[in-house]
N, C-alpha and C. Protein backbone atom coordinates (compact mmCIF):
# COMPACT_ATOMS: atom_id res chain seq x y z
N MET A 1 24.49 -61.22 -30.26
CA MET A 1 24.06 -62.22 -29.28
C MET A 1 23.23 -61.55 -28.21
N ARG A 2 22.08 -62.15 -27.84
CA ARG A 2 21.19 -61.59 -26.84
C ARG A 2 21.75 -61.78 -25.45
N ALA A 3 21.55 -60.77 -24.62
CA ALA A 3 21.98 -60.88 -23.23
C ALA A 3 21.10 -61.91 -22.54
N PRO A 4 21.67 -62.73 -21.66
CA PRO A 4 20.84 -63.71 -20.95
C PRO A 4 19.86 -63.00 -20.03
N ILE A 5 18.70 -63.63 -19.82
CA ILE A 5 17.71 -63.06 -18.92
C ILE A 5 18.28 -63.17 -17.50
N PRO A 6 18.33 -62.04 -16.78
CA PRO A 6 18.87 -62.12 -15.42
C PRO A 6 17.98 -63.00 -14.54
N GLU A 7 18.60 -63.72 -13.63
CA GLU A 7 17.86 -64.58 -12.70
C GLU A 7 17.00 -63.68 -11.82
N PRO A 8 15.68 -63.95 -11.78
CA PRO A 8 14.83 -63.12 -10.91
C PRO A 8 15.24 -63.29 -9.44
N LYS A 9 14.92 -62.28 -8.66
CA LYS A 9 15.16 -62.33 -7.22
C LYS A 9 13.82 -62.58 -6.52
N PRO A 10 13.85 -63.26 -5.38
CA PRO A 10 12.60 -63.50 -4.66
C PRO A 10 11.83 -62.19 -4.43
N GLY A 11 10.54 -62.22 -4.75
CA GLY A 11 9.69 -61.04 -4.61
C GLY A 11 9.52 -60.27 -5.91
N ASP A 12 10.31 -60.62 -6.95
CA ASP A 12 10.20 -59.93 -8.24
C ASP A 12 8.89 -60.28 -8.94
N LEU A 13 8.35 -59.30 -9.66
CA LEU A 13 7.19 -59.54 -10.50
C LEU A 13 7.68 -60.06 -11.85
N ILE A 14 7.04 -61.11 -12.33
CA ILE A 14 7.40 -61.71 -13.62
C ILE A 14 6.25 -61.45 -14.59
N GLU A 15 6.57 -60.79 -15.69
CA GLU A 15 5.60 -60.51 -16.74
C GLU A 15 5.84 -61.52 -17.87
N ILE A 16 4.80 -62.30 -18.18
CA ILE A 16 4.89 -63.34 -19.21
C ILE A 16 4.06 -62.87 -20.40
N PHE A 17 4.69 -62.86 -21.57
CA PHE A 17 4.05 -62.33 -22.77
C PHE A 17 3.25 -63.41 -23.49
N ARG A 18 1.97 -63.54 -23.14
CA ARG A 18 1.06 -64.47 -23.80
C ARG A 18 0.64 -63.86 -25.14
N PRO A 19 0.09 -64.67 -26.04
CA PRO A 19 -0.28 -64.14 -27.36
C PRO A 19 -1.19 -62.90 -27.35
N PHE A 20 -2.18 -62.81 -26.47
CA PHE A 20 -3.10 -61.67 -26.52
C PHE A 20 -3.14 -60.84 -25.25
N TYR A 21 -2.31 -61.17 -24.29
CA TYR A 21 -2.33 -60.45 -23.01
C TYR A 21 -1.05 -60.76 -22.26
N ARG A 22 -0.88 -60.15 -21.10
CA ARG A 22 0.26 -60.42 -20.23
C ARG A 22 -0.23 -61.23 -19.03
N HIS A 23 0.51 -62.29 -18.71
CA HIS A 23 0.22 -63.05 -17.50
C HIS A 23 1.28 -62.64 -16.47
N TRP A 24 0.89 -62.55 -15.21
CA TRP A 24 1.80 -62.10 -14.16
C TRP A 24 1.95 -63.16 -13.08
N ALA A 25 3.17 -63.25 -12.56
CA ALA A 25 3.47 -64.18 -11.48
C ALA A 25 4.46 -63.49 -10.55
N ILE A 26 4.66 -64.05 -9.38
CA ILE A 26 5.64 -63.49 -8.44
C ILE A 26 6.69 -64.57 -8.18
N TYR A 27 7.95 -64.17 -8.32
CA TYR A 27 9.05 -65.12 -8.16
C TYR A 27 9.30 -65.34 -6.67
N VAL A 28 9.38 -66.64 -6.28
CA VAL A 28 9.58 -66.94 -4.86
C VAL A 28 10.89 -67.68 -4.58
N GLY A 29 11.70 -67.90 -5.62
CA GLY A 29 13.00 -68.53 -5.42
C GLY A 29 13.06 -69.96 -5.94
N ASP A 30 14.28 -70.43 -6.14
CA ASP A 30 14.55 -71.80 -6.60
C ASP A 30 13.82 -72.15 -7.91
N GLY A 31 13.59 -71.14 -8.76
CA GLY A 31 12.95 -71.38 -10.04
C GLY A 31 11.43 -71.36 -10.00
N TYR A 32 10.85 -71.13 -8.83
CA TYR A 32 9.39 -71.18 -8.67
C TYR A 32 8.74 -69.81 -8.67
N VAL A 33 7.50 -69.79 -9.17
CA VAL A 33 6.65 -68.60 -9.10
C VAL A 33 5.32 -69.01 -8.48
N ILE A 34 4.63 -68.02 -7.95
CA ILE A 34 3.26 -68.20 -7.48
C ILE A 34 2.40 -67.29 -8.34
N HIS A 35 1.29 -67.84 -8.83
CA HIS A 35 0.44 -67.07 -9.75
C HIS A 35 -1.00 -67.55 -9.65
N LEU A 36 -1.90 -66.77 -10.27
CA LEU A 36 -3.30 -67.15 -10.36
C LEU A 36 -3.53 -67.90 -11.66
N ALA A 37 -4.24 -68.99 -11.58
CA ALA A 37 -4.58 -69.75 -12.77
C ALA A 37 -6.00 -70.28 -12.62
N PRO A 38 -6.74 -70.38 -13.74
CA PRO A 38 -8.06 -70.99 -13.64
C PRO A 38 -7.89 -72.41 -13.09
N PRO A 39 -8.81 -72.91 -12.32
CA PRO A 39 -8.65 -74.24 -11.72
C PRO A 39 -8.31 -75.32 -12.75
N SER A 40 -8.78 -75.17 -13.98
CA SER A 40 -8.55 -76.20 -14.99
C SER A 40 -7.25 -76.01 -15.76
N GLU A 41 -6.56 -74.88 -15.56
CA GLU A 41 -5.38 -74.61 -16.38
C GLU A 41 -4.21 -75.51 -16.03
N ILE A 42 -3.54 -75.98 -17.06
CA ILE A 42 -2.30 -76.71 -16.84
C ILE A 42 -1.14 -75.77 -17.11
N ALA A 43 -0.03 -75.98 -16.45
CA ALA A 43 1.13 -75.11 -16.60
C ALA A 43 1.54 -75.03 -18.06
N GLY A 44 1.91 -73.82 -18.49
CA GLY A 44 2.40 -73.62 -19.85
C GLY A 44 1.31 -73.70 -20.89
N ALA A 45 0.05 -73.55 -20.49
CA ALA A 45 -1.06 -73.68 -21.44
C ALA A 45 -1.08 -72.54 -22.44
N GLY A 46 -0.41 -71.43 -22.11
CA GLY A 46 -0.32 -70.31 -23.04
C GLY A 46 -1.68 -69.78 -23.41
N ALA A 47 -2.01 -69.81 -24.71
CA ALA A 47 -3.25 -69.23 -25.20
C ALA A 47 -4.48 -69.87 -24.55
N ALA A 48 -4.37 -71.11 -24.13
CA ALA A 48 -5.52 -71.77 -23.49
C ALA A 48 -5.91 -71.04 -22.22
N SER A 49 -4.95 -70.37 -21.60
CA SER A 49 -5.27 -69.69 -20.34
C SER A 49 -6.09 -68.43 -20.58
N ILE A 50 -6.35 -68.08 -21.84
CA ILE A 50 -7.27 -66.98 -22.13
C ILE A 50 -8.65 -67.35 -21.59
N MET A 51 -8.87 -68.65 -21.37
CA MET A 51 -10.13 -69.11 -20.78
C MET A 51 -10.31 -68.51 -19.39
N SER A 52 -9.24 -68.04 -18.79
CA SER A 52 -9.35 -67.45 -17.46
C SER A 52 -10.30 -66.26 -17.48
N ALA A 53 -10.48 -65.64 -18.64
CA ALA A 53 -11.39 -64.50 -18.73
C ALA A 53 -12.84 -64.94 -18.56
N LEU A 54 -13.10 -66.23 -18.71
CA LEU A 54 -14.47 -66.72 -18.69
C LEU A 54 -14.87 -67.35 -17.37
N THR A 55 -14.01 -67.30 -16.38
CA THR A 55 -14.32 -67.91 -15.09
C THR A 55 -14.26 -66.87 -13.98
N ASP A 56 -14.94 -67.13 -12.86
CA ASP A 56 -14.89 -66.17 -11.76
C ASP A 56 -14.12 -66.72 -10.57
N LYS A 57 -13.42 -67.83 -10.79
CA LYS A 57 -12.58 -68.41 -9.74
C LYS A 57 -11.20 -68.68 -10.31
N ALA A 58 -10.21 -68.61 -9.46
CA ALA A 58 -8.85 -68.95 -9.88
C ALA A 58 -8.19 -69.70 -8.72
N MET A 59 -7.19 -70.47 -9.07
CA MET A 59 -6.44 -71.23 -8.07
C MET A 59 -5.07 -70.56 -7.92
N VAL A 60 -4.62 -70.40 -6.68
CA VAL A 60 -3.27 -69.88 -6.45
C VAL A 60 -2.34 -71.08 -6.54
N LYS A 61 -1.42 -71.02 -7.51
CA LYS A 61 -0.54 -72.15 -7.76
C LYS A 61 0.93 -71.76 -7.61
N LYS A 62 1.71 -72.73 -7.15
CA LYS A 62 3.17 -72.58 -7.10
C LYS A 62 3.73 -73.57 -8.10
N GLU A 63 4.39 -73.04 -9.13
CA GLU A 63 4.91 -73.87 -10.20
C GLU A 63 6.25 -73.31 -10.66
N LEU A 64 6.98 -74.13 -11.39
CA LEU A 64 8.25 -73.66 -11.94
C LEU A 64 7.99 -72.58 -12.99
N LEU A 65 8.75 -71.50 -12.93
CA LEU A 65 8.63 -70.42 -13.90
C LEU A 65 8.76 -70.97 -15.32
N TYR A 66 9.69 -71.89 -15.50
CA TYR A 66 9.92 -72.51 -16.80
C TYR A 66 8.64 -73.15 -17.35
N ASP A 67 7.89 -73.81 -16.47
CA ASP A 67 6.64 -74.46 -16.88
C ASP A 67 5.52 -73.46 -17.13
N VAL A 68 5.42 -72.45 -16.26
CA VAL A 68 4.36 -71.45 -16.40
C VAL A 68 4.56 -70.63 -17.67
N ALA A 69 5.79 -70.24 -17.95
CA ALA A 69 6.06 -69.43 -19.14
C ALA A 69 5.91 -70.26 -20.41
N GLY A 70 6.23 -71.54 -20.34
CA GLY A 70 6.17 -72.36 -21.54
C GLY A 70 7.10 -71.79 -22.59
N ARG A 71 6.59 -71.60 -23.78
CA ARG A 71 7.40 -71.04 -24.87
C ARG A 71 7.33 -69.52 -24.94
N ASP A 72 6.53 -68.92 -24.07
CA ASP A 72 6.37 -67.46 -24.10
C ASP A 72 7.55 -66.77 -23.44
N LYS A 73 7.89 -65.60 -23.97
CA LYS A 73 8.95 -64.78 -23.37
C LYS A 73 8.45 -64.20 -22.05
N TYR A 74 9.41 -63.92 -21.17
CA TYR A 74 9.06 -63.29 -19.90
C TYR A 74 10.18 -62.36 -19.48
N GLN A 75 9.87 -61.48 -18.52
CA GLN A 75 10.87 -60.57 -17.98
C GLN A 75 10.50 -60.20 -16.55
N VAL A 76 11.52 -59.79 -15.79
CA VAL A 76 11.26 -59.20 -14.48
C VAL A 76 10.73 -57.80 -14.75
N ASN A 77 9.61 -57.44 -14.11
CA ASN A 77 9.05 -56.11 -14.32
C ASN A 77 8.45 -55.58 -13.02
N ASN A 78 9.31 -55.01 -12.20
CA ASN A 78 8.88 -54.39 -10.94
C ASN A 78 8.55 -52.93 -11.22
N LYS A 79 7.58 -52.73 -12.10
CA LYS A 79 7.33 -51.41 -12.69
C LYS A 79 6.80 -50.34 -11.75
N HIS A 80 6.34 -50.72 -10.58
CA HIS A 80 5.80 -49.70 -9.66
C HIS A 80 6.72 -49.40 -8.49
N ASP A 81 7.97 -49.88 -8.55
CA ASP A 81 8.90 -49.65 -7.44
C ASP A 81 9.13 -48.16 -7.18
N ASP A 82 9.01 -47.34 -8.23
CA ASP A 82 9.22 -45.90 -8.05
C ASP A 82 8.00 -45.22 -7.43
N LYS A 83 6.83 -45.88 -7.50
CA LYS A 83 5.58 -45.30 -7.00
C LYS A 83 5.21 -45.84 -5.62
N TYR A 84 5.46 -47.14 -5.40
CA TYR A 84 5.10 -47.79 -4.14
C TYR A 84 6.32 -48.53 -3.60
N PRO A 85 6.62 -48.37 -2.31
CA PRO A 85 7.76 -49.12 -1.77
C PRO A 85 7.42 -50.61 -1.69
N PRO A 86 8.25 -51.48 -2.29
CA PRO A 86 7.95 -52.91 -2.20
C PRO A 86 8.08 -53.41 -0.76
N LEU A 87 7.25 -54.36 -0.41
CA LEU A 87 7.37 -54.98 0.90
C LEU A 87 8.67 -55.79 0.92
N PRO A 88 9.19 -56.13 2.10
CA PRO A 88 10.41 -56.95 2.15
C PRO A 88 10.16 -58.30 1.45
N PRO A 89 11.16 -58.80 0.70
CA PRO A 89 10.98 -60.08 -0.01
C PRO A 89 10.45 -61.20 0.88
N SER A 90 10.93 -61.28 2.12
CA SER A 90 10.47 -62.36 3.01
C SER A 90 8.96 -62.25 3.27
N LYS A 91 8.47 -61.03 3.39
CA LYS A 91 7.03 -60.79 3.64
C LYS A 91 6.22 -61.13 2.38
N ILE A 92 6.72 -60.72 1.21
CA ILE A 92 6.05 -61.02 -0.07
C ILE A 92 5.90 -62.53 -0.23
N ILE A 93 6.99 -63.24 -0.01
CA ILE A 93 7.00 -64.70 -0.19
C ILE A 93 6.10 -65.37 0.84
N GLN A 94 6.16 -64.93 2.09
CA GLN A 94 5.31 -65.51 3.13
C GLN A 94 3.84 -65.34 2.77
N ARG A 95 3.46 -64.13 2.36
CA ARG A 95 2.06 -63.85 1.99
C ARG A 95 1.65 -64.72 0.80
N ALA A 96 2.53 -64.85 -0.20
CA ALA A 96 2.22 -65.65 -1.39
C ALA A 96 2.08 -67.12 -1.04
N GLU A 97 3.04 -67.64 -0.26
CA GLU A 97 3.04 -69.07 0.11
C GLU A 97 1.78 -69.44 0.88
N GLU A 98 1.29 -68.52 1.73
CA GLU A 98 0.09 -68.79 2.54
C GLU A 98 -1.15 -68.97 1.66
N LEU A 99 -1.12 -68.43 0.44
CA LEU A 99 -2.28 -68.50 -0.45
C LEU A 99 -2.27 -69.70 -1.40
N VAL A 100 -1.11 -70.37 -1.51
CA VAL A 100 -1.00 -71.50 -2.45
C VAL A 100 -2.05 -72.57 -2.13
N GLY A 101 -2.73 -73.02 -3.20
CA GLY A 101 -3.74 -74.05 -3.05
C GLY A 101 -5.13 -73.51 -2.79
N GLN A 102 -5.24 -72.21 -2.54
CA GLN A 102 -6.55 -71.62 -2.28
C GLN A 102 -7.24 -71.24 -3.59
N GLU A 103 -8.56 -71.39 -3.60
CA GLU A 103 -9.34 -70.89 -4.71
C GLU A 103 -9.78 -69.48 -4.33
N VAL A 104 -9.56 -68.54 -5.23
CA VAL A 104 -9.88 -67.14 -4.93
C VAL A 104 -10.79 -66.58 -6.01
N LEU A 105 -11.45 -65.48 -5.69
CA LEU A 105 -12.30 -64.79 -6.66
C LEU A 105 -11.43 -64.25 -7.78
N TYR A 106 -11.90 -64.38 -9.01
CA TYR A 106 -11.16 -63.87 -10.16
C TYR A 106 -12.10 -63.04 -11.01
N LYS A 107 -11.72 -61.79 -11.25
CA LYS A 107 -12.46 -60.93 -12.17
C LYS A 107 -11.43 -60.29 -13.08
N LEU A 108 -11.67 -60.39 -14.36
CA LEU A 108 -10.74 -59.85 -15.34
C LEU A 108 -10.45 -58.38 -15.08
N THR A 109 -11.48 -57.62 -14.67
CA THR A 109 -11.33 -56.18 -14.53
C THR A 109 -10.88 -55.71 -13.16
N SER A 110 -11.01 -56.55 -12.12
CA SER A 110 -10.68 -56.05 -10.78
C SER A 110 -9.88 -57.00 -9.90
N GLU A 111 -9.82 -58.27 -10.24
CA GLU A 111 -9.09 -59.22 -9.41
C GLU A 111 -8.40 -60.24 -10.30
N ASN A 112 -7.50 -59.75 -11.16
CA ASN A 112 -6.82 -60.65 -12.09
C ASN A 112 -5.40 -60.93 -11.62
N CYS A 113 -4.62 -61.62 -12.45
CA CYS A 113 -3.27 -62.03 -12.03
C CYS A 113 -2.35 -60.82 -11.77
N GLU A 114 -2.56 -59.72 -12.48
CA GLU A 114 -1.73 -58.52 -12.26
C GLU A 114 -2.11 -57.85 -10.94
N HIS A 115 -3.40 -57.76 -10.64
CA HIS A 115 -3.83 -57.24 -9.33
C HIS A 115 -3.22 -58.09 -8.21
N PHE A 116 -3.25 -59.40 -8.41
CA PHE A 116 -2.77 -60.36 -7.40
C PHE A 116 -1.31 -60.12 -7.06
N VAL A 117 -0.43 -60.07 -8.07
CA VAL A 117 1.00 -59.93 -7.78
C VAL A 117 1.35 -58.54 -7.27
N ASN A 118 0.68 -57.49 -7.77
CA ASN A 118 0.94 -56.14 -7.26
C ASN A 118 0.50 -56.03 -5.81
N GLY A 119 -0.60 -56.69 -5.47
CA GLY A 119 -1.05 -56.70 -4.08
C GLY A 119 -0.03 -57.37 -3.17
N LEU A 120 0.58 -58.44 -3.66
CA LEU A 120 1.60 -59.13 -2.85
C LEU A 120 2.87 -58.30 -2.71
N ARG A 121 3.34 -57.70 -3.79
CA ARG A 121 4.61 -56.96 -3.75
C ARG A 121 4.49 -55.61 -3.06
N TYR A 122 3.41 -54.88 -3.37
CA TYR A 122 3.29 -53.50 -2.89
C TYR A 122 2.19 -53.28 -1.85
N GLY A 123 1.31 -54.28 -1.70
CA GLY A 123 0.15 -54.07 -0.85
C GLY A 123 -0.90 -53.22 -1.56
N VAL A 124 -0.74 -53.02 -2.87
CA VAL A 124 -1.67 -52.23 -3.69
C VAL A 124 -2.04 -53.08 -4.90
N ALA A 125 -3.31 -53.50 -4.95
CA ALA A 125 -3.76 -54.33 -6.07
C ALA A 125 -4.16 -53.41 -7.23
N ARG A 126 -3.40 -53.49 -8.32
CA ARG A 126 -3.72 -52.67 -9.49
C ARG A 126 -3.31 -53.41 -10.75
N SER A 127 -3.96 -53.04 -11.85
CA SER A 127 -3.66 -53.65 -13.13
C SER A 127 -3.62 -52.58 -14.20
N ASP A 128 -2.43 -52.32 -14.71
CA ASP A 128 -2.30 -51.34 -15.79
C ASP A 128 -2.90 -51.89 -17.07
N GLN A 129 -2.85 -53.20 -17.23
CA GLN A 129 -3.42 -53.85 -18.41
C GLN A 129 -4.90 -53.50 -18.53
N VAL A 130 -5.63 -53.61 -17.42
CA VAL A 130 -7.05 -53.29 -17.41
C VAL A 130 -7.24 -51.80 -17.62
N ARG A 131 -6.48 -50.98 -16.92
CA ARG A 131 -6.61 -49.54 -17.06
C ARG A 131 -6.36 -49.12 -18.50
N ASP A 132 -5.33 -49.68 -19.13
CA ASP A 132 -5.00 -49.32 -20.51
C ASP A 132 -6.12 -49.70 -21.47
N VAL A 133 -6.75 -50.85 -21.26
CA VAL A 133 -7.85 -51.27 -22.13
C VAL A 133 -9.05 -50.35 -21.93
N VAL A 134 -9.35 -50.01 -20.67
CA VAL A 134 -10.48 -49.13 -20.38
C VAL A 134 -10.23 -47.75 -20.99
N VAL A 135 -9.01 -47.23 -20.86
CA VAL A 135 -8.67 -45.93 -21.44
C VAL A 135 -8.78 -45.99 -22.96
N ALA A 136 -8.25 -47.05 -23.57
CA ALA A 136 -8.31 -47.18 -25.03
C ALA A 136 -9.76 -47.26 -25.50
N ALA A 137 -10.58 -48.01 -24.77
CA ALA A 137 -11.99 -48.13 -25.14
C ALA A 137 -12.68 -46.78 -25.00
N GLY A 138 -12.34 -46.03 -23.95
CA GLY A 138 -12.93 -44.70 -23.75
C GLY A 138 -12.52 -43.75 -24.85
N VAL A 139 -11.24 -43.76 -25.21
CA VAL A 139 -10.75 -42.88 -26.28
C VAL A 139 -11.42 -43.25 -27.60
N ALA A 140 -11.52 -44.55 -27.89
CA ALA A 140 -12.17 -44.99 -29.12
C ALA A 140 -13.63 -44.56 -29.12
N GLY A 141 -14.31 -44.70 -27.98
CA GLY A 141 -15.72 -44.30 -27.88
C GLY A 141 -15.89 -42.82 -28.10
N VAL A 142 -15.03 -42.01 -27.51
CA VAL A 142 -15.09 -40.56 -27.69
C VAL A 142 -14.84 -40.22 -29.15
N GLY A 143 -13.86 -40.90 -29.76
CA GLY A 143 -13.55 -40.66 -31.17
C GLY A 143 -14.73 -40.98 -32.06
N LEU A 144 -15.38 -42.12 -31.81
CA LEU A 144 -16.55 -42.51 -32.61
C LEU A 144 -17.69 -41.52 -32.40
N ALA A 145 -17.91 -41.10 -31.16
CA ALA A 145 -18.97 -40.14 -30.88
C ALA A 145 -18.70 -38.82 -31.59
N ALA A 146 -17.44 -38.36 -31.57
CA ALA A 146 -17.09 -37.10 -32.24
C ALA A 146 -17.30 -37.22 -33.75
N MET A 147 -16.91 -38.37 -34.33
CA MET A 147 -17.11 -38.56 -35.77
C MET A 147 -18.59 -38.55 -36.11
N GLY A 148 -19.40 -39.16 -35.26
CA GLY A 148 -20.85 -39.17 -35.48
C GLY A 148 -21.43 -37.78 -35.41
N LEU A 149 -20.98 -37.00 -34.45
CA LEU A 149 -21.46 -35.63 -34.28
C LEU A 149 -21.07 -34.77 -35.48
N ILE A 150 -19.83 -34.92 -35.95
CA ILE A 150 -19.37 -34.17 -37.12
C ILE A 150 -20.22 -34.57 -38.34
N GLY A 151 -20.51 -35.87 -38.48
CA GLY A 151 -21.33 -36.34 -39.59
C GLY A 151 -22.71 -35.72 -39.56
N VAL A 152 -23.31 -35.65 -38.37
CA VAL A 152 -24.64 -35.03 -38.23
C VAL A 152 -24.57 -33.55 -38.61
N MET A 153 -23.53 -32.86 -38.14
CA MET A 153 -23.39 -31.43 -38.43
C MET A 153 -23.27 -31.20 -39.94
N PHE A 154 -22.46 -32.01 -40.62
CA PHE A 154 -22.29 -31.85 -42.06
C PHE A 154 -23.57 -32.16 -42.81
N SER A 155 -24.30 -33.16 -42.38
CA SER A 155 -25.52 -33.52 -43.09
C SER A 155 -26.58 -32.44 -42.95
N ARG A 156 -26.58 -31.72 -41.84
CA ARG A 156 -27.54 -30.65 -41.62
C ARG A 156 -27.20 -29.40 -42.42
N ASN A 157 -25.93 -29.23 -42.72
CA ASN A 157 -25.50 -28.02 -43.41
C ASN A 157 -25.57 -28.13 -44.93
N LYS A 158 -25.93 -29.30 -45.44
CA LYS A 158 -26.02 -29.45 -46.90
C LYS A 158 -27.27 -28.72 -47.38
N PRO A 159 -27.14 -27.97 -48.45
CA PRO A 159 -28.35 -27.33 -48.99
C PRO A 159 -29.31 -28.40 -49.52
N GLN A 160 -30.56 -28.25 -49.24
CA GLN A 160 -31.57 -29.20 -49.67
C GLN A 160 -31.94 -28.91 -51.12
N LYS A 161 -32.04 -29.98 -51.94
CA LYS A 161 -32.44 -29.81 -53.33
C LYS A 161 -33.95 -29.61 -53.37
N GLN A 162 -34.39 -28.64 -54.17
CA GLN A 162 -35.83 -28.34 -54.31
C GLN A 162 -36.43 -29.08 -55.45
């Protein structure tokens, strides 16, 4: 039998496992989270919210965690608590609540939902999801470049038929 998901505490970061990415929200109590969503997104849209990658604006929304997660799994993930001291929960919630209803700039690489919640909890906007993709793309690029270079070296070393 699976252990029940512990009830999040106000100020906790909630990681929601969408089909192709992670969506992030901040728990503010009484079952509610505050998160970034494209202005057109409806709660629990799941894969439809991948459209957020195609817009440069997002709406700060306060919705029930149950609705935002939909059928997707989620967990509390305060993963940077060892690196950055979290702000007091009351301050996190106050800052988040003040933003509800505002349209904000959204960039997949620099101002996404993970940057948003980390900024609220720690005062440091960062996204490991973006960093991991950039690192993976860099490693893949270096690997492809190395394979190309090796191919060129081998082709030059073949004896030419006369």
